Amino acid sequence: MSGAERLRERLRRALGAEHVEVEDESRAHAGHPGAAGGGHYEVIVVSPCFTGRDALARHRLVYEAVGDLAAAGVHALAISAFAPEEWRSRSA
């Protein structure tokens, strides 16, 4: 299982996410200091647990969900976290 797949599954399971997208951007960071220590990922997560929470609280929940993956393959993480109703209104 790739790092992106592990990250996607972890977010889906830990946050009860309705939608998870993981983009592995590691190639764009090749040669940067620290890049050899793990991947660079951009994630979009849609979960009911984000309802009523501000961006900082949502990011904290995502980092808690990522947990030990941060030390074992995730060097950088760009997060977009949405409550389901916010996600649906973006599509309308």
PDB file of N, CA and C in Angstrom:
ATOM      1  N   MET A   1       0.846  -1.170   0.000  1.00  0.00           N
ATOM      2  CA  MET A   1       0.000   0.000   0.000  1.00  0.00           C
ATOM      3  C   MET A   1       0.899   1.242   0.000  1.00  0.00           C
ATOM      4  N   SER A   2       0.595   2.190  -0.858  1.00  0.00           N
ATOM      5  CA  SER A   2       1.404   3.404  -0.961  1.00  0.00           C
ATOM      6  C   SER A   2       1.141   4.327   0.233  1.00  0.00           C
ATOM      7  N   GLY A   3       2.007   5.312   0.397  1.00  0.00           N
ATOM      8  CA  GLY A   3       1.823   6.287   1.460  1.00  0.00           C
ATOM      9  C   GLY A   3       0.507   7.032   1.319  1.00  0.00           C
ATOM     10  N   ALA A   4       0.148   7.394   0.098  1.00  0.00           N
ATOM     11  CA  ALA A   4      -1.113   8.101  -0.146  1.00  0.00           C
ATOM     12  C   ALA A   4      -2.303   7.221   0.209  1.00  0.00           C
ATOM     13  N   GLU A   5      -2.228   5.951  -0.115  1.00  0.00           N
ATOM     14  CA  GLU A   5      -3.321   5.021   0.208  1.00  0.00           C
ATOM     15  C   GLU A   5      -3.459   4.829   1.717  1.00  0.00           C
ATOM     16  N   ARG A   6      -2.324   4.713   2.406  1.00  0.00           N
ATOM     17  CA  ARG A   6      -2.357   4.574   3.867  1.00  0.00           C
ATOM     18  C   ARG A   6      -2.965   5.820   4.503  1.00  0.00           C
ATOM     19  N   LEU A   7      -2.565   6.978   4.000  1.00  0.00           N
ATOM     20  CA  LEU A   7      -3.074   8.234   4.515  1.00  0.00           C
ATOM     21  C   LEU A   7      -4.580   8.354   4.265  1.00  0.00           C
ATOM     22  N   ARG A   8      -5.023   8.015   3.071  1.00  0.00           N
ATOM     23  CA  ARG A   8      -6.450   8.067   2.719  1.00  0.00           C
ATOM     24  C   ARG A   8      -7.265   7.157   3.637  1.00  0.00           C
ATOM     25  N   GLU A   9      -6.804   5.943   3.821  1.00  0.00           N
ATOM     26  CA  GLU A   9      -7.535   4.982   4.652  1.00  0.00           C
ATOM     27  C   GLU A   9      -7.568   5.432   6.114  1.00  0.00           C
ATOM     28  N   ARG A  10      -6.466   5.938   6.603  1.00  0.00           N
ATOM     29  CA  ARG A  10      -6.403   6.405   7.991  1.00  0.00           C
ATOM     30  C   ARG A  10      -7.396   7.549   8.217  1.00  0.00           C
ATOM     31  N   LEU A  11      -7.431   8.514   7.303  1.00  0.00           N
ATOM     32  CA  LEU A  11      -8.347   9.649   7.442  1.00  0.00           C
ATOM     33  C   LEU A  11      -9.800   9.209   7.357  1.00  0.00           C
ATOM     34  N   ARG A  12     -10.071   8.316   6.427  1.00  0.00           N
ATOM     35  CA  ARG A  12     -11.445   7.834   6.254  1.00  0.00           C
ATOM     36  C   ARG A  12     -11.928   7.131   7.533  1.00  0.00           C
ATOM     37  N   ARG A  13     -11.091   6.265   8.057  1.00  0.00           N
ATOM     38  CA  ARG A  13     -11.472   5.465   9.222  1.00  0.00           C
ATOM     39  C   ARG A  13     -11.523   6.309  10.499  1.00  0.00           C
ATOM     40  N   ALA A  14     -10.487   7.095  10.763  1.00  0.00           N
ATOM     41  CA  ALA A  14     -10.386   7.830  12.027  1.00  0.00           C
ATOM     42  C   ALA A  14     -11.393   8.975  12.139  1.00  0.00           C
ATOM     43  N   LEU A  15     -11.735   9.585  11.005  1.00  0.00           N
ATOM     44  CA  LEU A  15     -12.622  10.747  11.036  1.00  0.00           C
ATOM     45  C   LEU A  15     -14.031  10.435  10.549  1.00  0.00           C
ATOM     46  N   GLY A  16     -14.284   9.201  10.170  1.00  0.00           N
ATOM     47  CA  GLY A  16     -15.590   8.868   9.622  1.00  0.00           C
ATOM     48  C   GLY A  16     -15.879   9.705   8.386  1.00  0.00           C
ATOM     49  N   ALA A  17     -14.843   9.923   7.595  1.00  0.00           N
ATOM     50  CA  ALA A  17     -14.926  10.838   6.458  1.00  0.00           C
ATOM     51  C   ALA A  17     -15.832  10.300   5.357  1.00  0.00           C
ATOM     52  N   GLU A  18     -16.627  11.189   4.813  1.00  0.00           N
ATOM     53  CA  GLU A  18     -17.494  10.861   3.680  1.00  0.00           C
ATOM     54  C   GLU A  18     -16.729  10.934   2.363  1.00  0.00           C
ATOM     55  N   HIS A  19     -15.698  11.740   2.346  1.00  0.00           N
ATOM     56  CA  HIS A  19     -14.927  11.945   1.123  1.00  0.00           C
ATOM     57  C   HIS A  19     -13.492  12.273   1.516  1.00  0.00           C
ATOM     58  N   VAL A  20     -12.539  11.618   0.869  1.00  0.00           N
ATOM     59  CA  VAL A  20     -11.123  11.902   1.105  1.00  0.00           C
ATOM     60  C   VAL A  20     -10.400  11.875  -0.234  1.00  0.00           C
ATOM     61  N   GLU A  21      -9.654  12.929  -0.504  1.00  0.00           N
ATOM     62  CA  GLU A  21      -8.763  12.965  -1.668  1.00  0.00           C
ATOM     63  C   GLU A  21      -7.354  13.185  -1.144  1.00  0.00           C
ATOM     64  N   VAL A  22      -6.403  12.426  -1.670  1.00  0.00           N
ATOM     65  CA  VAL A  22      -5.008  12.590  -1.292  1.00  0.00           C
ATOM     66  C   VAL A  22      -4.189  12.727  -2.568  1.00  0.00           C
ATOM     67  N   GLU A  23      -3.487  13.829  -2.665  1.00  0.00           N
ATOM     68  CA  GLU A  23      -2.610  14.086  -3.812  1.00  0.00           C
ATOM     69  C   GLU A  23      -1.173  14.013  -3.321  1.00  0.00           C
ATOM     70  N   ASP A  24      -0.396  13.100  -3.894  1.00  0.00           N
ATOM     71  CA  ASP A  24       1.014  12.967  -3.531  1.00  0.00           C
ATOM     72  C   ASP A  24       1.804  13.972  -4.362  1.00  0.00           C
ATOM     73  N   GLU A  25       2.340  14.999  -3.708  1.00  0.00           N
ATOM     74  CA  GLU A  25       3.099  16.052  -4.373  1.00  0.00           C
ATOM     75  C   GLU A  25       4.601  15.910  -4.130  1.00  0.00           C
ATOM     76  N   SER A  26       5.020  14.731  -3.720  1.00  0.00           N
ATOM     77  CA  SER A  26       6.412  14.515  -3.336  1.00  0.00           C
ATOM     78  C   SER A  26       7.399  14.807  -4.457  1.00  0.00           C
ATOM     79  N   ARG A  27       7.049  14.484  -5.676  1.00  0.00           N
ATOM     80  CA  ARG A  27       7.972  14.714  -6.800  1.00  0.00           C
ATOM     81  C   ARG A  27       8.319  16.185  -6.960  1.00  0.00           C
ATOM     82  N   ALA A  28       7.365  17.044  -6.675  1.00  0.00           N
ATOM     83  CA  ALA A  28       7.600  18.485  -6.813  1.00  0.00           C
ATOM     84  C   ALA A  28       8.564  19.012  -5.755  1.00  0.00           C
ATOM     85  N   HIS A  29       8.816  18.220  -4.706  1.00  0.00           N
ATOM     86  CA  HIS A  29       9.674  18.661  -3.616  1.00  0.00           C
ATOM     87  C   HIS A  29      10.996  17.906  -3.561  1.00  0.00           C
ATOM     88  N   ALA A  30      11.270  17.106  -4.565  1.00  0.00           N
ATOM     89  CA  ALA A  30      12.524  16.346  -4.590  1.00  0.00           C
ATOM     90  C   ALA A  30      13.702  17.298  -4.506  1.00  0.00           C
ATOM     91  N   GLY A  31      14.636  16.982  -3.631  1.00  0.00           N
ATOM     92  CA  GLY A  31      15.826  17.793  -3.473  1.00  0.00           C
ATOM     93  C   GLY A  31      15.703  18.870  -2.412  1.00  0.00           C
ATOM     94  N   HIS A  32      14.515  19.130  -1.904  1.00  0.00           N
ATOM     95  CA  HIS A  32      14.348  20.116  -0.841  1.00  0.00           C
ATOM     96  C   HIS A  32      14.840  19.522   0.476  1.00  0.00           C
ATOM     97  N   PRO A  33      15.387  20.349   1.340  1.00  0.00           N
ATOM     98  CA  PRO A  33      15.824  19.833   2.644  1.00  0.00           C
ATOM     99  C   PRO A  33      14.658  19.166   3.368  1.00  0.00           C
ATOM    100  N   GLY A  34      14.887  17.988   3.881  1.00  0.00           N
ATOM    101  CA  GLY A  34      13.863  17.258   4.616  1.00  0.00           C
ATOM    102  C   GLY A  34      12.957  16.412   3.750  1.00  0.00           C
ATOM    103  N   ALA A  35      12.995  16.608   2.439  1.00  0.00           N
ATOM    104  CA  ALA A  35      12.089  15.872   1.559  1.00  0.00           C
ATOM    105  C   ALA A  35      12.375  14.377   1.555  1.00  0.00           C
ATOM    106  N   ALA A  36      13.597  13.991   1.830  1.00  0.00           N
ATOM    107  CA  ALA A  36      13.945  12.573   1.835  1.00  0.00           C
ATOM    108  C   ALA A  36      13.337  11.847   3.026  1.00  0.00           C
ATOM    109  N   GLY A  37      12.860  12.600   4.020  1.00  0.00           N
ATOM    110  CA  GLY A  37      12.318  11.995   5.224  1.00  0.00           C
ATOM    111  C   GLY A  37      10.846  11.652   5.145  1.00  0.00           C
ATOM    112  N   GLY A  38      10.215  11.851   4.002  1.00  0.00           N
ATOM    113  CA  GLY A  38       8.806  11.526   3.886  1.00  0.00           C
ATOM    114  C   GLY A  38       8.150  12.275   2.753  1.00  0.00           C
ATOM    115  N   GLY A  39       6.896  11.936   2.493  1.00  0.00           N
ATOM    116  CA  GLY A  39       6.182  12.505   1.374  1.00  0.00           C
ATOM    117  C   GLY A  39       5.509  13.825   1.682  1.00  0.00           C
ATOM    118  N   HIS A  40       5.213  14.540   0.615  1.00  0.00           N
ATOM    119  CA  HIS A  40       4.451  15.791   0.683  1.00  0.00           C
ATOM    120  C   HIS A  40       3.074  15.495   0.110  1.00  0.00           C
ATOM    121  N   TYR A  41       2.039  15.761   0.880  1.00  0.00           N
ATOM    122  CA  TYR A  41       0.681  15.426   0.464  1.00  0.00           C
ATOM    123  C   TYR A  41      -0.254  16.616   0.614  1.00  0.00           C
ATOM    124  N   GLU A  42      -1.224  16.669  -0.281  1.00  0.00           N
ATOM    125  CA  GLU A  42      -2.327  17.606  -0.166  1.00  0.00           C
ATOM    126  C   GLU A  42      -3.575  16.763   0.039  1.00  0.00           C
ATOM    127  N   VAL A  43      -4.356  17.079   1.066  1.00  0.00           N
ATOM    128  CA  VAL A  43      -5.548  16.290   1.348  1.00  0.00           C
ATOM    129  C   VAL A  43      -6.795  17.169   1.395  1.00  0.00           C
ATOM    130  N   ILE A  44      -7.883  16.605   0.923  1.00  0.00           N
ATOM    131  CA  ILE A  44      -9.218  17.174   1.087  1.00  0.00           C
ATOM    132  C   ILE A  44     -10.002  16.141   1.874  1.00  0.00           C
ATOM    133  N   VAL A  45     -10.555  16.568   3.005  1.00  0.00           N
ATOM    134  CA  VAL A  45     -11.293  15.658   3.870  1.00  0.00           C
ATOM    135  C   VAL A  45     -12.662  16.264   4.171  1.00  0.00           C
ATOM    136  N   VAL A  46     -13.703  15.462   3.980  1.00  0.00           N
ATOM    137  CA  VAL A  46     -15.066  15.883   4.292  1.00  0.00           C
ATOM    138  C   VAL A  46     -15.585  14.952   5.380  1.00  0.00           C
ATOM    139  N   SER A  47     -15.897  15.530   6.544  1.00  0.00           N
ATOM    140  CA  SER A  47     -16.331  14.714   7.665  1.00  0.00           C
ATOM    141  C   SER A  47     -17.352  15.457   8.520  1.00  0.00           C
ATOM    142  N   PRO A  48     -18.347  14.737   9.024  1.00  0.00           N
ATOM    143  CA  PRO A  48     -19.303  15.363   9.933  1.00  0.00           C
ATOM    144  C   PRO A  48     -18.647  15.873  11.216  1.00  0.00           C
ATOM    145  N   CYS A  49     -17.524  15.318  11.596  1.00  0.00           N
ATOM    146  CA  CYS A  49     -16.881  15.761  12.840  1.00  0.00           C
ATOM    147  C   CYS A  49     -16.319  17.179  12.725  1.00  0.00           C
ATOM    148  N   PHE A  50     -16.275  17.742  11.522  1.00  0.00           N
ATOM    149  CA  PHE A  50     -15.801  19.115  11.346  1.00  0.00           C
ATOM    150  C   PHE A  50     -16.909  20.154  11.539  1.00  0.00           C
ATOM    151  N   THR A  51     -18.147  19.714  11.571  1.00  0.00           N
ATOM    152  CA  THR A  51     -19.274  20.638  11.720  1.00  0.00           C
ATOM    153  C   THR A  51     -19.144  21.441  13.013  1.00  0.00           C
ATOM    154  N   GLY A  52     -19.241  22.766  12.882  1.00  0.00           N
ATOM    155  CA  GLY A  52     -19.170  23.656  14.039  1.00  0.00           C
ATOM    156  C   GLY A  52     -17.770  23.909  14.562  1.00  0.00           C
ATOM    157  N   ARG A  53     -16.752  23.414  13.884  1.00  0.00           N
ATOM    158  CA  ARG A  53     -15.368  23.609  14.334  1.00  0.00           C
ATOM    159  C   ARG A  53     -14.651  24.575  13.396  1.00  0.00           C
ATOM    160  N   ASP A  54     -13.742  25.371  13.966  1.00  0.00           N
ATOM    161  CA  ASP A  54     -12.972  26.287  13.135  1.00  0.00           C
ATOM    162  C   ASP A  54     -11.821  25.542  12.456  1.00  0.00           C
ATOM    163  N   ALA A  55     -11.113  26.242  11.589  1.00  0.00           N
ATOM    164  CA  ALA A  55     -10.046  25.609  10.797  1.00  0.00           C
ATOM    165  C   ALA A  55      -8.965  24.990  11.675  1.00  0.00           C
ATOM    166  N   LEU A  56      -8.571  25.670  12.741  1.00  0.00           N
ATOM    167  CA  LEU A  56      -7.529  25.137  13.614  1.00  0.00           C
ATOM    168  C   LEU A  56      -7.967  23.821  14.255  1.00  0.00           C
ATOM    169  N   ALA A  57      -9.182  23.767  14.745  1.00  0.00           N
ATOM    170  CA  ALA A  57      -9.689  22.531  15.362  1.00  0.00           C
ATOM    171  C   ALA A  57      -9.763  21.406  14.336  1.00  0.00           C
ATOM    172  N   ARG A  58     -10.148  21.734  13.115  1.00  0.00           N
ATOM    173  CA  ARG A  58     -10.217  20.718  12.057  1.00  0.00           C
ATOM    174  C   ARG A  58      -8.832  20.175  11.740  1.00  0.00           C
ATOM    175  N   HIS A  59      -7.852  21.059  11.648  1.00  0.00           N
ATOM    176  CA  HIS A  59      -6.489  20.620  11.354  1.00  0.00           C
ATOM    177  C   HIS A  59      -5.953  19.744  12.477  1.00  0.00           C
ATOM    178  N   ARG A  60      -6.271  20.111  13.705  1.00  0.00           N
ATOM    179  CA  ARG A  60      -5.830  19.284  14.836  1.00  0.00           C
ATOM    180  C   ARG A  60      -6.415  17.883  14.742  1.00  0.00           C
ATOM    181  N   LEU A  61      -7.686  17.783  14.374  1.00  0.00           N
ATOM    182  CA  LEU A  61      -8.311  16.462  14.220  1.00  0.00           C
ATOM    183  C   LEU A  61      -7.629  15.659  13.116  1.00  0.00           C
ATOM    184  N   VAL A  62      -7.283  16.324  12.024  1.00  0.00           N
ATOM    185  CA  VAL A  62      -6.600  15.628  10.932  1.00  0.00           C
ATOM    186  C   VAL A  62      -5.234  15.131  11.400  1.00  0.00           C
ATOM    187  N   TYR A  63      -4.473  15.983  12.078  1.00  0.00           N
ATOM    188  CA  TYR A  63      -3.152  15.560  12.559  1.00  0.00           C
ATOM    189  C   TYR A  63      -3.260  14.429  13.579  1.00  0.00           C
ATOM    190  N   GLU A  64      -4.282  14.466  14.435  1.00  0.00           N
ATOM    191  CA  GLU A  64      -4.499  13.351  15.370  1.00  0.00           C
ATOM    192  C   GLU A  64      -4.779  12.065  14.604  1.00  0.00           C
ATOM    193  N   ALA A  65      -5.562  12.162  13.542  1.00  0.00           N
ATOM    194  CA  ALA A  65      -5.893  10.988  12.733  1.00  0.00           C
ATOM    195  C   ALA A  65      -4.656  10.448  12.020  1.00  0.00           C
ATOM    196  N   VAL A  66      -3.819  11.330  11.541  1.00  0.00           N
ATOM    197  CA  VAL A  66      -2.594  10.908  10.838  1.00  0.00           C
ATOM    198  C   VAL A  66      -1.663  10.196  11.808  1.00  0.00           C
ATOM    199  N   GLY A  67      -1.596  10.694  13.027  1.00  0.00           N
ATOM    200  CA  GLY A  67      -0.840  10.036  14.088  1.00  0.00           C
ATOM    201  C   GLY A  67       0.563   9.618  13.713  1.00  0.00           C
ATOM    202  N   ASP A  68       0.861   8.349  13.880  1.00  0.00           N
ATOM    203  CA  ASP A  68       2.210   7.824  13.668  1.00  0.00           C
ATOM    204  C   ASP A  68       2.647   7.842  12.208  1.00  0.00           C
ATOM    205  N   LEU A  69       1.739   8.063  11.272  1.00  0.00           N
ATOM    206  CA  LEU A  69       2.151   8.162   9.868  1.00  0.00           C
ATOM    207  C   LEU A  69       3.022   9.388   9.643  1.00  0.00           C
ATOM    208  N   ALA A  70       2.843  10.415  10.476  1.00  0.00           N
ATOM    209  CA  ALA A  70       3.650  11.627  10.349  1.00  0.00           C
ATOM    210  C   ALA A  70       5.133  11.309  10.543  1.00  0.00           C
ATOM    211  N   ALA A  71       5.430  10.408  11.448  1.00  0.00           N
ATOM    212  CA  ALA A  71       6.819  10.045  11.702  1.00  0.00           C
ATOM    213  C   ALA A  71       7.320   8.982  10.726  1.00  0.00           C
ATOM    214  N   ALA A  72       6.385   8.324  10.040  1.00  0.00           N
ATOM    215  CA  ALA A  72       6.769   7.197   9.184  1.00  0.00           C
ATOM    216  C   ALA A  72       6.404   7.422   7.722  1.00  0.00           C
ATOM    217  N   GLY A  73       6.569   8.647   7.234  1.00  0.00           N
ATOM    218  CA  GLY A  73       6.373   8.830   5.812  1.00  0.00           C
ATOM    219  C   GLY A  73       5.640  10.082   5.373  1.00  0.00           C
ATOM    220  N   VAL A  74       5.183  10.913   6.297  1.00  0.00           N
ATOM    221  CA  VAL A  74       4.523  12.158   5.911  1.00  0.00           C
ATOM    222  C   VAL A  74       5.390  13.305   6.401  1.00  0.00           C
ATOM    223  N   HIS A  75       5.996  14.007   5.463  1.00  0.00           N
ATOM    224  CA  HIS A  75       6.863  15.134   5.810  1.00  0.00           C
ATOM    225  C   HIS A  75       6.073  16.441   5.843  1.00  0.00           C
ATOM    226  N   ALA A  76       5.156  16.596   4.892  1.00  0.00           N
ATOM    227  CA  ALA A  76       4.367  17.825   4.804  1.00  0.00           C
ATOM    228  C   ALA A  76       2.931  17.476   4.419  1.00  0.00           C
ATOM    229  N   LEU A  77       1.996  18.259   4.961  1.00  0.00           N
ATOM    230  CA  LEU A  77       0.588  17.976   4.742  1.00  0.00           C
ATOM    231  C   LEU A  77      -0.160  19.298   4.565  1.00  0.00           C
ATOM    232  N   ALA A  78      -0.749  19.480   3.389  1.00  0.00           N
ATOM    233  CA  ALA A  78      -1.617  20.633   3.134  1.00  0.00           C
ATOM    234  C   ALA A  78      -3.048  20.136   3.290  1.00  0.00           C
ATOM    235  N   ILE A  79      -3.818  20.794   4.153  1.00  0.00           N
ATOM    236  CA  ILE A  79      -5.138  20.286   4.542  1.00  0.00           C
ATOM    237  C   ILE A  79      -6.254  21.233   4.121  1.00  0.00           C
ATOM    238  N   SER A  80      -7.269  20.668   3.482  1.00  0.00           N
ATOM    239  CA  SER A  80      -8.547  21.344   3.256  1.00  0.00           C
ATOM    240  C   SER A  80      -9.591  20.457   3.907  1.00  0.00           C
ATOM    241  N   ALA A  81     -10.234  20.964   4.958  1.00  0.00           N
ATOM    242  CA  ALA A  81     -11.180  20.164   5.742  1.00  0.00           C
ATOM    243  C   ALA A  81     -12.550  20.830   5.707  1.00  0.00           C
ATOM    244  N   PHE A  82     -13.566  20.055   5.326  1.00  0.00           N
ATOM    245  CA  PHE A  82     -14.913  20.579   5.163  1.00  0.00           C
ATOM    246  C   PHE A  82     -15.930  19.732   5.916  1.00  0.00           C
ATOM    247  N   ALA A  83     -16.937  20.402   6.467  1.00  0.00           N
ATOM    248  CA  ALA A  83     -18.124  19.703   6.955  1.00  0.00           C
ATOM    249  C   ALA A  83     -18.928  19.318   5.716  1.00  0.00           C
ATOM    250  N   PRO A  84     -19.746  18.275   5.786  1.00  0.00           N
ATOM    251  CA  PRO A  84     -20.485  17.821   4.604  1.00  0.00           C
ATOM    252  C   PRO A  84     -21.315  18.913   3.920  1.00  0.00           C
ATOM    253  N   GLU A  85     -21.999  19.745   4.708  1.00  0.00           N
ATOM    254  CA  GLU A  85     -22.832  20.784   4.106  1.00  0.00           C
ATOM    255  C   GLU A  85     -21.990  21.833   3.377  1.00  0.00           C
ATOM    256  N   GLU A  86     -20.781  22.101   3.870  1.00  0.00           N
ATOM    257  CA  GLU A  86     -19.878  23.035   3.190  1.00  0.00           C
ATOM    258  C   GLU A  86     -19.415  22.439   1.864  1.00  0.00           C
ATOM    259  N   TRP A  87     -19.107  21.161   1.882  1.00  0.00           N
ATOM    260  CA  TRP A  87     -18.640  20.481   0.678  1.00  0.00           C
ATOM    261  C   TRP A  87     -19.740  20.464  -0.394  1.00  0.00           C
ATOM    262  N   ARG A  88     -20.957  20.149   0.033  1.00  0.00           N
ATOM    263  CA  ARG A  88     -22.080  20.113  -0.922  1.00  0.00           C
ATOM    264  C   ARG A  88     -22.344  21.497  -1.504  1.00  0.00           C
ATOM    265  N   SER A  89     -22.234  22.553  -0.708  1.00  0.00           N
ATOM    266  CA  SER A  89     -22.506  23.900  -1.205  1.00  0.00           C
ATOM    267  C   SER A  89     -21.434  24.359  -2.191  1.00  0.00           C
ATOM    268  N   ARG A  90     -20.235  23.806  -2.113  1.00  0.00           N
ATOM    269  CA  ARG A  90     -19.168  24.121  -3.085  1.00  0.00           C
ATOM    270  C   ARG A  90     -19.502  23.556  -4.453  1.00  0.00           C
ATOM    271  N   SER A  91     -20.228  22.461  -4.479  1.00  0.00           N
ATOM    272  CA  SER A  91     -20.558  21.778  -5.728  1.00  0.00           C
ATOM    273  C   SER A  91     -21.813  22.362  -6.387  1.00  0.00           C
ATOM    274  N   ALA A  92     -22.579  23.110  -5.640  1.00  0.00           N
ATOM    275  CA  ALA A  92     -23.862  23.619  -6.155  1.00  0.00           C
ATOM    276  C   ALA A  92     -23.675  24.831  -7.062  1.00  0.00           C
TER     277      ALA A  92
END
